[in-house]
Amino acid sequence: MSALIVTGTDTGIGKTIFSAGLVQALGATYWKPVQSGLEEETDSQIVARLSGRPALPEGYLLQLPASPHLSAEAEGVEIDPAALPLPAVDGTLVAEGAGGLMVPLNREMLYLDLFARWGAPVILCARTQLGTINHTLLSLKALRDAGCAVVGVAFIGDAEPEVEETICQFGKVAYLGRLPVLGELTSDALAVAFQASIRVDVIKEALA
């Protein structure tokens, strides 16, 4: 089995849509260890619908749309990282975090700590909006300080070539492409955009 971790610089930047495109492109299996918030579709349901690929059951499925540690506490439970090993699947597993790297799982452990424990290579998603240089470079430093191998940065949003170049230059990181915001978000539209925009070959090399 091979595994990839998808994380982001912030919440709501589109990393679940990116994960769906990645799962589809790799013929992979998706896993969301902790889902916080059940108001509409879960991330697993979104990825399964858009990718046509299997999504494993979440390790923790929590009602409150908040940081995982707060969502868990609202239900009187504590997230146990020992209960969240990377699941074994045939082929490739894509595991997606929640929010950014410094999101707490409980009162003692961050998502970053869990990623470091897993030891799988990480793709960092960043939106092309004001502030992304700072957020992305800080996230890259945090990943490397924790000993995580970084595959590269994938951008999401409108083209900002100078910003994207600056991040990859200062961050000394591979450019994985930019996924545009899709007017029609369907499985076919995502597949076409992903293949045209994202350097799947570089990602596959990280799994070799």
N, C-alpha and C. Protein backbone atom coordinates (compact mmCIF):
# COMPACT_ATOMS: atom_id res chain seq x y z
N MET A 1 0.83 -1.20 0.00
CA MET A 1 0.00 0.00 0.00
C MET A 1 0.86 1.25 0.00
N SER A 2 0.43 2.28 -0.73
CA SER A 2 1.07 3.58 -0.68
C SER A 2 0.04 4.58 -0.18
N ALA A 3 0.52 5.68 0.39
CA ALA A 3 -0.40 6.66 0.96
C ALA A 3 0.10 8.06 0.70
N LEU A 4 -0.86 8.98 0.55
CA LEU A 4 -0.60 10.40 0.43
C LEU A 4 -1.49 11.15 1.41
N ILE A 5 -0.95 12.20 2.00
CA ILE A 5 -1.72 13.06 2.88
C ILE A 5 -2.01 14.36 2.15
N VAL A 6 -3.26 14.79 2.17
CA VAL A 6 -3.64 16.10 1.62
C VAL A 6 -4.02 17.00 2.78
N THR A 7 -3.33 18.12 2.89
CA THR A 7 -3.65 19.10 3.91
C THR A 7 -3.69 20.48 3.27
N GLY A 8 -4.01 21.49 4.05
CA GLY A 8 -4.13 22.83 3.49
C GLY A 8 -3.61 23.89 4.43
N THR A 9 -3.54 25.10 3.91
CA THR A 9 -3.08 26.22 4.72
C THR A 9 -4.18 26.78 5.61
N ASP A 10 -5.43 26.35 5.35
CA ASP A 10 -6.56 26.92 6.06
C ASP A 10 -7.78 26.05 5.79
N THR A 11 -8.90 26.42 6.36
CA THR A 11 -10.14 25.70 6.10
C THR A 11 -10.88 26.37 4.93
N GLY A 12 -11.70 25.60 4.24
CA GLY A 12 -12.52 26.15 3.18
C GLY A 12 -11.78 26.58 1.94
N ILE A 13 -10.61 25.99 1.68
CA ILE A 13 -9.82 26.42 0.52
C ILE A 13 -10.02 25.52 -0.70
N GLY A 14 -10.74 24.42 -0.54
CA GLY A 14 -10.99 23.54 -1.67
C GLY A 14 -10.19 22.26 -1.68
N LYS A 15 -9.58 21.90 -0.54
CA LYS A 15 -8.75 20.69 -0.54
C LYS A 15 -9.56 19.41 -0.67
N THR A 16 -10.83 19.43 -0.30
CA THR A 16 -11.66 18.24 -0.50
C THR A 16 -11.93 18.02 -1.98
N ILE A 17 -12.17 19.11 -2.73
CA ILE A 17 -12.34 18.99 -4.18
C ILE A 17 -11.04 18.53 -4.81
N PHE A 18 -9.92 19.09 -4.36
CA PHE A 18 -8.62 18.62 -4.85
C PHE A 18 -8.45 17.13 -4.54
N SER A 19 -8.81 16.72 -3.33
CA SER A 19 -8.69 15.31 -2.95
C SER A 19 -9.52 14.42 -3.87
N ALA A 20 -10.72 14.89 -4.22
CA ALA A 20 -11.57 14.11 -5.12
C ALA A 20 -10.91 13.94 -6.48
N GLY A 21 -10.34 15.02 -7.01
CA GLY A 21 -9.64 14.93 -8.28
C GLY A 21 -8.43 14.02 -8.20
N LEU A 22 -7.71 14.08 -7.08
CA LEU A 22 -6.53 13.24 -6.90
C LEU A 22 -6.91 11.77 -6.80
N VAL A 23 -7.94 11.48 -6.02
CA VAL A 23 -8.41 10.11 -5.87
C VAL A 23 -8.83 9.54 -7.22
N GLN A 24 -9.53 10.35 -7.98
CA GLN A 24 -9.98 9.94 -9.31
C GLN A 24 -8.79 9.68 -10.24
N ALA A 25 -7.81 10.59 -10.24
CA ALA A 25 -6.66 10.48 -11.13
C ALA A 25 -5.78 9.28 -10.79
N LEU A 26 -5.68 8.95 -9.52
CA LEU A 26 -4.81 7.85 -9.07
C LEU A 26 -5.55 6.52 -8.95
N GLY A 27 -6.88 6.54 -9.10
CA GLY A 27 -7.65 5.32 -8.84
C GLY A 27 -7.48 4.88 -7.40
N ALA A 28 -7.50 5.87 -6.49
CA ALA A 28 -7.16 5.64 -5.09
C ALA A 28 -8.42 5.46 -4.23
N THR A 29 -8.18 5.22 -2.96
CA THR A 29 -9.23 5.15 -1.94
C THR A 29 -9.07 6.35 -1.02
N TYR A 30 -10.19 6.94 -0.61
CA TYR A 30 -10.17 8.15 0.20
C TYR A 30 -10.49 7.84 1.66
N TRP A 31 -9.86 8.62 2.55
CA TRP A 31 -10.15 8.47 3.98
C TRP A 31 -10.05 9.83 4.66
N LYS A 32 -11.09 10.15 5.41
CA LYS A 32 -11.11 11.36 6.26
C LYS A 32 -11.10 10.87 7.70
N PRO A 33 -9.99 11.00 8.42
CA PRO A 33 -9.93 10.44 9.77
C PRO A 33 -10.94 11.04 10.73
N VAL A 34 -11.17 12.37 10.63
CA VAL A 34 -12.13 13.03 11.51
C VAL A 34 -12.98 13.99 10.68
N GLN A 35 -14.29 13.80 10.74
CA GLN A 35 -15.24 14.72 10.09
C GLN A 35 -15.96 15.51 11.17
N SER A 36 -15.79 16.82 11.13
CA SER A 36 -16.47 17.70 12.09
C SER A 36 -17.53 18.50 11.35
N GLY A 37 -18.79 18.24 11.65
CA GLY A 37 -19.87 18.95 11.00
C GLY A 37 -20.63 18.07 10.03
N LEU A 38 -21.92 17.88 10.28
CA LEU A 38 -22.74 16.98 9.47
C LEU A 38 -23.97 17.69 8.92
N GLU A 39 -23.85 18.99 8.64
CA GLU A 39 -25.02 19.75 8.19
C GLU A 39 -25.44 19.38 6.78
N GLU A 40 -24.49 19.10 5.90
CA GLU A 40 -24.80 18.71 4.53
C GLU A 40 -24.06 17.41 4.24
N GLU A 41 -23.47 17.30 3.04
CA GLU A 41 -22.67 16.12 2.72
C GLU A 41 -21.39 16.11 3.55
N THR A 42 -20.94 14.93 3.92
CA THR A 42 -19.61 14.83 4.52
C THR A 42 -18.57 14.92 3.41
N ASP A 43 -17.33 15.15 3.79
CA ASP A 43 -16.26 15.18 2.80
C ASP A 43 -16.14 13.83 2.10
N SER A 44 -16.33 12.76 2.83
CA SER A 44 -16.25 11.42 2.22
C SER A 44 -17.33 11.25 1.16
N GLN A 45 -18.52 11.74 1.42
CA GLN A 45 -19.61 11.63 0.45
C GLN A 45 -19.32 12.48 -0.79
N ILE A 46 -18.76 13.67 -0.58
CA ILE A 46 -18.41 14.54 -1.70
C ILE A 46 -17.36 13.87 -2.59
N VAL A 47 -16.32 13.35 -1.97
CA VAL A 47 -15.23 12.72 -2.73
C VAL A 47 -15.73 11.48 -3.46
N ALA A 48 -16.53 10.66 -2.80
CA ALA A 48 -17.05 9.46 -3.46
C ALA A 48 -17.93 9.83 -4.65
N ARG A 49 -18.74 10.86 -4.49
CA ARG A 49 -19.64 11.28 -5.57
C ARG A 49 -18.86 11.83 -6.76
N LEU A 50 -17.85 12.66 -6.49
CA LEU A 50 -17.12 13.30 -7.58
C LEU A 50 -16.08 12.40 -8.22
N SER A 51 -15.54 11.48 -7.45
CA SER A 51 -14.45 10.64 -7.97
C SER A 51 -14.92 9.29 -8.49
N GLY A 52 -16.09 8.83 -7.99
CA GLY A 52 -16.53 7.49 -8.35
C GLY A 52 -15.67 6.41 -7.72
N ARG A 53 -14.91 6.78 -6.72
CA ARG A 53 -14.00 5.86 -6.04
C ARG A 53 -14.47 5.63 -4.60
N PRO A 54 -14.02 4.54 -3.97
CA PRO A 54 -14.48 4.25 -2.60
C PRO A 54 -13.91 5.21 -1.57
N ALA A 55 -14.71 5.48 -0.56
CA ALA A 55 -14.29 6.27 0.60
C ALA A 55 -14.52 5.43 1.84
N LEU A 56 -13.50 5.30 2.66
CA LEU A 56 -13.60 4.51 3.88
C LEU A 56 -14.41 5.26 4.93
N PRO A 57 -14.98 4.55 5.89
CA PRO A 57 -15.68 5.22 7.00
C PRO A 57 -14.73 6.10 7.80
N GLU A 58 -15.22 7.23 8.26
CA GLU A 58 -14.41 8.13 9.08
C GLU A 58 -14.03 7.46 10.40
N GLY A 59 -12.87 7.84 10.92
CA GLY A 59 -12.49 7.36 12.24
C GLY A 59 -13.40 7.94 13.31
N TYR A 60 -13.71 9.23 13.16
CA TYR A 60 -14.63 9.92 14.07
C TYR A 60 -15.57 10.77 13.22
N LEU A 61 -16.87 10.64 13.47
CA LEU A 61 -17.89 11.40 12.76
C LEU A 61 -18.61 12.25 13.80
N LEU A 62 -18.38 13.56 13.76
CA LEU A 62 -18.82 14.47 14.82
C LEU A 62 -19.80 15.51 14.27
N GLN A 63 -20.76 15.88 15.08
CA GLN A 63 -21.85 16.74 14.62
C GLN A 63 -21.46 18.21 14.47
N LEU A 64 -20.74 18.75 15.44
CA LEU A 64 -20.49 20.18 15.50
C LEU A 64 -19.46 20.62 14.46
N PRO A 65 -19.78 21.63 13.61
CA PRO A 65 -18.80 22.14 12.64
C PRO A 65 -17.79 23.06 13.34
N ALA A 66 -16.76 22.46 13.90
CA ALA A 66 -15.75 23.22 14.66
C ALA A 66 -14.45 22.42 14.62
N SER A 67 -13.45 22.93 15.30
CA SER A 67 -12.20 22.19 15.43
C SER A 67 -12.50 20.80 16.00
N PRO A 68 -11.82 19.74 15.51
CA PRO A 68 -12.14 18.39 15.97
C PRO A 68 -12.15 18.22 17.48
N HIS A 69 -11.22 18.87 18.18
CA HIS A 69 -11.18 18.67 19.63
C HIS A 69 -12.42 19.27 20.30
N LEU A 70 -12.91 20.38 19.77
CA LEU A 70 -14.11 21.00 20.33
C LEU A 70 -15.36 20.20 19.95
N SER A 71 -15.40 19.71 18.73
CA SER A 71 -16.54 18.88 18.30
C SER A 71 -16.63 17.62 19.15
N ALA A 72 -15.48 17.01 19.40
CA ALA A 72 -15.46 15.79 20.22
C ALA A 72 -15.90 16.09 21.65
N GLU A 73 -15.38 17.17 22.22
CA GLU A 73 -15.74 17.51 23.60
C GLU A 73 -17.23 17.80 23.72
N ALA A 74 -17.82 18.38 22.68
CA ALA A 74 -19.26 18.66 22.72
C ALA A 74 -20.08 17.39 22.80
N GLU A 75 -19.50 16.27 22.35
CA GLU A 75 -20.20 14.98 22.41
C GLU A 75 -19.68 14.10 23.54
N GLY A 76 -18.81 14.67 24.38
CA GLY A 76 -18.31 13.92 25.53
C GLY A 76 -17.32 12.84 25.19
N VAL A 77 -16.61 13.00 24.07
CA VAL A 77 -15.60 12.02 23.70
C VAL A 77 -14.26 12.72 23.50
N GLU A 78 -13.20 11.94 23.46
CA GLU A 78 -11.86 12.46 23.18
C GLU A 78 -11.28 11.67 22.01
N ILE A 79 -10.76 12.38 21.04
CA ILE A 79 -10.15 11.72 19.89
C ILE A 79 -8.85 11.07 20.32
N ASP A 80 -8.74 9.78 20.04
CA ASP A 80 -7.55 9.01 20.40
C ASP A 80 -6.73 8.79 19.13
N PRO A 81 -5.58 9.45 18.98
CA PRO A 81 -4.77 9.29 17.78
C PRO A 81 -4.33 7.83 17.54
N ALA A 82 -4.22 7.06 18.61
CA ALA A 82 -3.84 5.66 18.45
C ALA A 82 -4.91 4.87 17.71
N ALA A 83 -6.14 5.40 17.69
CA ALA A 83 -7.23 4.75 16.97
C ALA A 83 -7.29 5.19 15.51
N LEU A 84 -6.30 5.98 15.07
CA LEU A 84 -6.31 6.51 13.72
C LEU A 84 -5.05 6.15 12.93
N PRO A 85 -4.67 4.87 12.89
CA PRO A 85 -3.57 4.51 12.00
C PRO A 85 -4.03 4.58 10.55
N LEU A 86 -3.11 4.76 9.63
CA LEU A 86 -3.49 4.76 8.23
C LEU A 86 -4.09 3.39 7.86
N PRO A 87 -5.31 3.35 7.34
CA PRO A 87 -5.92 2.06 6.99
C PRO A 87 -5.19 1.39 5.83
N ALA A 88 -5.16 0.10 5.85
CA ALA A 88 -4.56 -0.67 4.75
C ALA A 88 -5.59 -0.85 3.65
N VAL A 89 -5.21 -0.49 2.42
CA VAL A 89 -6.09 -0.64 1.26
C VAL A 89 -5.28 -1.23 0.11
N ASP A 90 -5.99 -1.74 -0.88
CA ASP A 90 -5.33 -2.14 -2.11
C ASP A 90 -5.04 -0.88 -2.93
N GLY A 91 -3.80 -0.71 -3.33
CA GLY A 91 -3.45 0.47 -4.12
C GLY A 91 -3.07 1.64 -3.25
N THR A 92 -3.57 2.82 -3.60
CA THR A 92 -3.16 4.06 -2.94
C THR A 92 -4.27 4.60 -2.04
N LEU A 93 -3.88 5.09 -0.89
CA LEU A 93 -4.79 5.74 0.04
C LEU A 93 -4.51 7.24 0.04
N VAL A 94 -5.57 8.04 -0.07
CA VAL A 94 -5.46 9.49 0.07
C VAL A 94 -6.17 9.88 1.36
N ALA A 95 -5.40 10.37 2.33
CA ALA A 95 -5.96 10.77 3.63
C ALA A 95 -5.98 12.29 3.71
N GLU A 96 -7.14 12.85 4.03
CA GLU A 96 -7.28 14.31 4.08
C GLU A 96 -7.47 14.80 5.50
N GLY A 97 -6.70 15.80 5.87
CA GLY A 97 -6.85 16.41 7.18
C GLY A 97 -8.00 17.40 7.19
N ALA A 98 -8.16 18.08 8.31
CA ALA A 98 -9.21 19.09 8.47
C ALA A 98 -8.57 20.44 8.75
N GLY A 99 -9.02 21.48 8.04
CA GLY A 99 -8.45 22.79 8.27
C GLY A 99 -6.97 22.82 7.92
N GLY A 100 -6.18 23.46 8.77
CA GLY A 100 -4.74 23.54 8.55
C GLY A 100 -3.98 22.59 9.45
N LEU A 101 -2.66 22.74 9.46
CA LEU A 101 -1.79 21.82 10.19
C LEU A 101 -1.92 21.93 11.70
N MET A 102 -2.22 23.13 12.18
CA MET A 102 -2.24 23.36 13.62
C MET A 102 -3.61 23.16 14.25
N VAL A 103 -4.47 22.45 13.57
CA VAL A 103 -5.80 22.14 14.11
C VAL A 103 -5.65 21.06 15.17
N PRO A 104 -6.16 21.26 16.39
CA PRO A 104 -6.03 20.24 17.44
C PRO A 104 -6.98 19.06 17.23
N LEU A 105 -6.44 17.88 17.49
CA LEU A 105 -7.27 16.67 17.54
C LEU A 105 -7.82 16.47 18.95
N ASN A 106 -7.00 16.76 19.92
CA ASN A 106 -7.41 16.74 21.32
C ASN A 106 -6.59 17.82 22.03
N ARG A 107 -6.57 17.80 23.35
CA ARG A 107 -5.88 18.85 24.08
C ARG A 107 -4.36 18.68 24.11
N GLU A 108 -3.86 17.62 23.48
CA GLU A 108 -2.43 17.36 23.51
C GLU A 108 -1.80 17.18 22.13
N MET A 109 -2.62 17.00 21.08
CA MET A 109 -2.07 16.63 19.79
C MET A 109 -2.72 17.41 18.65
N LEU A 110 -1.88 17.87 17.72
CA LEU A 110 -2.34 18.57 16.53
C LEU A 110 -2.38 17.61 15.34
N TYR A 111 -3.07 18.02 14.29
CA TYR A 111 -3.05 17.23 13.06
C TYR A 111 -1.62 17.04 12.57
N LEU A 112 -0.79 18.07 12.69
CA LEU A 112 0.61 17.97 12.26
C LEU A 112 1.32 16.81 12.95
N ASP A 113 1.04 16.63 14.23
CA ASP A 113 1.66 15.52 14.97
C ASP A 113 1.21 14.17 14.41
N LEU A 114 -0.06 14.09 14.03
CA LEU A 114 -0.58 12.85 13.46
C LEU A 114 0.07 12.57 12.10
N PHE A 115 0.22 13.61 11.29
CA PHE A 115 0.87 13.43 9.99
C PHE A 115 2.30 12.94 10.17
N ALA A 116 3.01 13.52 11.12
CA ALA A 116 4.39 13.10 11.38
C ALA A 116 4.43 11.65 11.83
N ARG A 117 3.47 11.25 12.63
CA ARG A 117 3.40 9.87 13.09
C ARG A 117 3.16 8.92 11.92
N TRP A 118 2.29 9.33 10.99
CA TRP A 118 2.00 8.46 9.84
C TRP A 118 3.22 8.29 8.94
N GLY A 119 3.99 9.35 8.73
CA GLY A 119 5.19 9.26 7.92
C GLY A 119 4.96 9.20 6.42
N ALA A 120 3.76 9.50 5.95
CA ALA A 120 3.46 9.48 4.52
C ALA A 120 3.75 10.85 3.91
N PRO A 121 4.05 10.90 2.61
CA PRO A 121 4.31 12.18 1.96
C PRO A 121 3.07 13.07 1.93
N VAL A 122 3.31 14.40 1.96
CA VAL A 122 2.23 15.37 2.13
C VAL A 122 2.14 16.29 0.92
N ILE A 123 0.90 16.51 0.46
CA ILE A 123 0.62 17.55 -0.53
C ILE A 123 -0.06 18.70 0.22
N LEU A 124 0.49 19.90 0.04
CA LEU A 124 -0.06 21.08 0.70
C LEU A 124 -0.88 21.88 -0.30
N CYS A 125 -2.16 22.09 -0.01
CA CYS A 125 -3.04 22.90 -0.85
C CYS A 125 -3.07 24.33 -0.33
N ALA A 126 -3.02 25.28 -1.26
CA ALA A 126 -3.03 26.70 -0.89
C ALA A 126 -3.93 27.45 -1.86
N ARG A 127 -4.76 28.33 -1.33
CA ARG A 127 -5.60 29.13 -2.21
C ARG A 127 -4.83 30.35 -2.70
N THR A 128 -5.16 30.80 -3.89
CA THR A 128 -4.45 31.94 -4.48
C THR A 128 -5.14 33.23 -4.11
N GLN A 129 -5.12 33.56 -2.84
CA GLN A 129 -5.72 34.80 -2.34
C GLN A 129 -4.71 35.53 -1.47
N LEU A 130 -5.02 36.78 -1.17
CA LEU A 130 -4.13 37.60 -0.35
C LEU A 130 -3.81 36.90 0.97
N GLY A 131 -2.54 36.86 1.31
CA GLY A 131 -2.10 36.23 2.54
C GLY A 131 -1.55 34.84 2.34
N THR A 132 -1.69 34.30 1.13
CA THR A 132 -1.31 32.91 0.93
C THR A 132 0.20 32.68 1.00
N ILE A 133 1.00 33.69 0.67
CA ILE A 133 2.45 33.52 0.76
C ILE A 133 2.84 33.21 2.20
N ASN A 134 2.39 34.04 3.10
CA ASN A 134 2.72 33.85 4.52
C ASN A 134 2.20 32.52 5.04
N HIS A 135 0.93 32.23 4.79
CA HIS A 135 0.34 30.99 5.30
C HIS A 135 1.02 29.75 4.75
N THR A 136 1.35 29.79 3.46
CA THR A 136 1.94 28.62 2.83
C THR A 136 3.37 28.39 3.29
N LEU A 137 4.16 29.46 3.37
CA LEU A 137 5.55 29.30 3.81
C LEU A 137 5.61 28.84 5.27
N LEU A 138 4.72 29.36 6.11
CA LEU A 138 4.68 28.90 7.50
C LEU A 138 4.30 27.42 7.57
N SER A 139 3.34 27.02 6.74
CA SER A 139 2.91 25.61 6.74
C SER A 139 4.03 24.70 6.26
N LEU A 140 4.76 25.12 5.24
CA LEU A 140 5.88 24.31 4.75
C LEU A 140 6.96 24.17 5.83
N LYS A 141 7.25 25.26 6.53
CA LYS A 141 8.24 25.19 7.61
C LYS A 141 7.78 24.24 8.70
N ALA A 142 6.51 24.32 9.06
CA ALA A 142 5.99 23.44 10.12
C ALA A 142 6.09 21.98 9.70
N LEU A 143 5.75 21.68 8.46
CA LEU A 143 5.82 20.29 7.97
C LEU A 143 7.26 19.78 8.03
N ARG A 144 8.19 20.58 7.56
CA ARG A 144 9.58 20.13 7.53
C ARG A 144 10.17 20.03 8.94
N ASP A 145 9.82 20.96 9.80
CA ASP A 145 10.30 20.89 11.18
C ASP A 145 9.80 19.63 11.87
N ALA A 146 8.62 19.15 11.46
CA ALA A 146 8.05 17.93 12.04
C ALA A 146 8.57 16.67 11.37
N GLY A 147 9.39 16.84 10.34
CA GLY A 147 9.97 15.67 9.68
C GLY A 147 9.10 15.09 8.58
N CYS A 148 8.11 15.84 8.12
CA CYS A 148 7.22 15.35 7.06
C CYS A 148 7.83 15.60 5.68
N ALA A 149 7.73 14.61 4.82
CA ALA A 149 8.19 14.77 3.43
C ALA A 149 7.10 15.49 2.64
N VAL A 150 7.46 16.56 1.96
CA VAL A 150 6.50 17.38 1.22
C VAL A 150 6.63 17.08 -0.27
N VAL A 151 5.55 16.61 -0.88
CA VAL A 151 5.55 16.34 -2.32
C VAL A 151 5.59 17.65 -3.09
N GLY A 152 4.81 18.62 -2.67
CA GLY A 152 4.76 19.91 -3.33
C GLY A 152 3.54 20.68 -2.90
N VAL A 153 3.36 21.85 -3.53
CA VAL A 153 2.22 22.71 -3.25
C VAL A 153 1.29 22.70 -4.46
N ALA A 154 0.00 22.48 -4.21
CA ALA A 154 -1.04 22.59 -5.24
C ALA A 154 -1.89 23.81 -4.92
N PHE A 155 -2.01 24.70 -5.89
CA PHE A 155 -2.77 25.93 -5.69
C PHE A 155 -4.21 25.73 -6.16
N ILE A 156 -5.12 26.47 -5.55
CA ILE A 156 -6.54 26.39 -5.89
C ILE A 156 -7.08 27.80 -6.00
N GLY A 157 -7.69 28.11 -7.15
CA GLY A 157 -8.27 29.43 -7.35
C GLY A 157 -7.81 30.07 -8.64
N ASP A 158 -8.00 31.38 -8.74
CA ASP A 158 -7.61 32.12 -9.93
C ASP A 158 -6.08 32.20 -10.03
N ALA A 159 -5.60 32.33 -11.24
CA ALA A 159 -4.15 32.36 -11.48
C ALA A 159 -3.51 33.58 -10.82
N GLU A 160 -2.44 33.32 -10.08
CA GLU A 160 -1.59 34.36 -9.49
C GLU A 160 -0.15 33.90 -9.69
N PRO A 161 0.34 33.93 -10.93
CA PRO A 161 1.64 33.32 -11.24
C PRO A 161 2.81 33.85 -10.42
N GLU A 162 2.83 35.15 -10.15
CA GLU A 162 3.96 35.70 -9.37
C GLU A 162 3.91 35.21 -7.93
N VAL A 163 2.71 35.13 -7.37
CA VAL A 163 2.56 34.62 -6.01
C VAL A 163 2.94 33.15 -5.95
N GLU A 164 2.47 32.37 -6.90
CA GLU A 164 2.76 30.94 -6.93
C GLU A 164 4.27 30.70 -7.07
N GLU A 165 4.90 31.48 -7.96
CA GLU A 165 6.35 31.35 -8.16
C GLU A 165 7.11 31.73 -6.89
N THR A 166 6.67 32.79 -6.22
CA THR A 166 7.34 33.25 -4.99
C THR A 166 7.30 32.16 -3.92
N ILE A 167 6.14 31.54 -3.77
CA ILE A 167 6.00 30.49 -2.75
C ILE A 167 6.93 29.33 -3.05
N CYS A 168 6.96 28.89 -4.29
CA CYS A 168 7.80 27.73 -4.63
C CYS A 168 9.28 28.08 -4.53
N GLN A 169 9.62 29.33 -4.83
CA GLN A 169 11.02 29.75 -4.73
C GLN A 169 11.48 29.80 -3.28
N PHE A 170 10.75 30.55 -2.45
CA PHE A 170 11.16 30.68 -1.06
C PHE A 170 10.95 29.39 -0.28
N GLY A 171 9.91 28.65 -0.65
CA GLY A 171 9.63 27.40 0.04
C GLY A 171 10.45 26.23 -0.44
N LYS A 172 11.20 26.44 -1.55
CA LYS A 172 12.02 25.36 -2.13
C LYS A 172 11.18 24.08 -2.27
N VAL A 173 10.08 24.23 -2.98
CA VAL A 173 9.11 23.15 -3.05
C VAL A 173 8.63 22.99 -4.49
N ALA A 174 8.23 21.79 -4.84
CA ALA A 174 7.74 21.51 -6.18
C ALA A 174 6.39 22.17 -6.42
N TYR A 175 6.22 22.69 -7.61
CA TYR A 175 4.95 23.27 -8.04
C TYR A 175 4.10 22.16 -8.64
N LEU A 176 2.95 21.90 -8.04
CA LEU A 176 2.09 20.81 -8.50
C LEU A 176 0.96 21.27 -9.41
N GLY A 177 0.93 22.57 -9.71
CA GLY A 177 -0.11 23.08 -10.59
C GLY A 177 -1.16 23.88 -9.83
N ARG A 178 -2.16 24.34 -10.57
CA ARG A 178 -3.22 25.14 -9.98
C ARG A 178 -4.56 24.65 -10.50
N LEU A 179 -5.43 24.26 -9.58
CA LEU A 179 -6.77 23.81 -9.93
C LEU A 179 -7.71 25.02 -9.91
N PRO A 180 -8.31 25.38 -11.06
CA PRO A 180 -9.19 26.54 -11.06
C PRO A 180 -10.52 26.23 -10.39
N VAL A 181 -11.22 27.29 -9.99
CA VAL A 181 -12.58 27.11 -9.46
C VAL A 181 -13.48 26.76 -10.64
N LEU A 182 -14.21 25.66 -10.52
CA LEU A 182 -15.02 25.17 -11.62
C LEU A 182 -16.44 25.71 -11.53
N GLY A 183 -16.94 26.23 -12.64
CA GLY A 183 -18.30 26.72 -12.67
C GLY A 183 -19.31 25.60 -12.50
N GLU A 184 -19.02 24.48 -13.13
CA GLU A 184 -19.86 23.30 -13.01
C GLU A 184 -19.05 22.19 -12.37
N LEU A 185 -19.37 21.87 -11.14
CA LEU A 185 -18.59 20.89 -10.41
C LEU A 185 -19.21 19.50 -10.58
N THR A 186 -18.77 18.80 -11.60
CA THR A 186 -19.20 17.44 -11.86
C THR A 186 -17.99 16.54 -11.89
N SER A 187 -18.22 15.25 -11.88
CA SER A 187 -17.12 14.30 -11.94
C SER A 187 -16.31 14.47 -13.21
N ASP A 188 -16.98 14.61 -14.34
CA ASP A 188 -16.28 14.76 -15.62
C ASP A 188 -15.52 16.07 -15.69
N ALA A 189 -16.15 17.17 -15.25
CA ALA A 189 -15.49 18.47 -15.29
C ALA A 189 -14.26 18.49 -14.40
N LEU A 190 -14.35 17.87 -13.23
CA LEU A 190 -13.21 17.82 -12.32
C LEU A 190 -12.08 17.00 -12.92
N ALA A 191 -12.41 15.87 -13.54
CA ALA A 191 -11.39 15.01 -14.13
C ALA A 191 -10.63 15.74 -15.23
N VAL A 192 -11.36 16.46 -16.09
CA VAL A 192 -10.73 17.20 -17.17
C VAL A 192 -9.83 18.30 -16.63
N ALA A 193 -10.34 19.07 -15.67
CA ALA A 193 -9.57 20.17 -15.09
C ALA A 193 -8.34 19.66 -14.35
N PHE A 194 -8.51 18.57 -13.63
CA PHE A 194 -7.39 18.04 -12.83
C PHE A 194 -6.27 17.56 -13.75
N GLN A 195 -6.62 16.81 -14.79
CA GLN A 195 -5.60 16.29 -15.70
C GLN A 195 -4.90 17.41 -16.44
N ALA A 196 -5.65 18.50 -16.74
CA ALA A 196 -5.06 19.61 -17.47
C ALA A 196 -4.21 20.52 -16.59
N SER A 197 -4.50 20.55 -15.28
CA SER A 197 -3.92 21.57 -14.41
C SER A 197 -2.91 21.06 -13.40
N ILE A 198 -3.06 19.82 -12.98
CA ILE A 198 -2.24 19.30 -11.87
C ILE A 198 -1.19 18.32 -12.39
N ARG A 199 0.00 18.42 -11.86
CA ARG A 199 1.12 17.58 -12.30
C ARG A 199 1.05 16.20 -11.61
N VAL A 200 0.16 15.40 -12.14
CA VAL A 200 -0.06 14.07 -11.57
C VAL A 200 1.21 13.22 -11.67
N ASP A 201 2.02 13.46 -12.70
CA ASP A 201 3.26 12.70 -12.86
C ASP A 201 4.21 12.91 -11.69
N VAL A 202 4.30 14.15 -11.20
CA VAL A 202 5.17 14.43 -10.05
C VAL A 202 4.63 13.73 -8.80
N ILE A 203 3.31 13.73 -8.65
CA ILE A 203 2.70 13.08 -7.49
C ILE A 203 2.95 11.58 -7.54
N LYS A 204 2.82 10.99 -8.71
CA LYS A 204 3.06 9.55 -8.86
C LYS A 204 4.50 9.19 -8.54
N GLU A 205 5.42 10.06 -8.89
CA GLU A 205 6.84 9.81 -8.58
C GLU A 205 7.06 9.73 -7.08
N ALA A 206 6.30 10.50 -6.31
CA ALA A 206 6.45 10.47 -4.85
C ALA A 206 5.97 9.15 -4.27
N LEU A 207 5.12 8.45 -5.00
CA LEU A 207 4.61 7.17 -4.53
C LEU A 207 5.48 5.99 -4.96
N ALA A 208 6.39 6.25 -5.91
CA ALA A 208 7.20 5.16 -6.47
C ALA A 208 8.21 4.64 -5.46
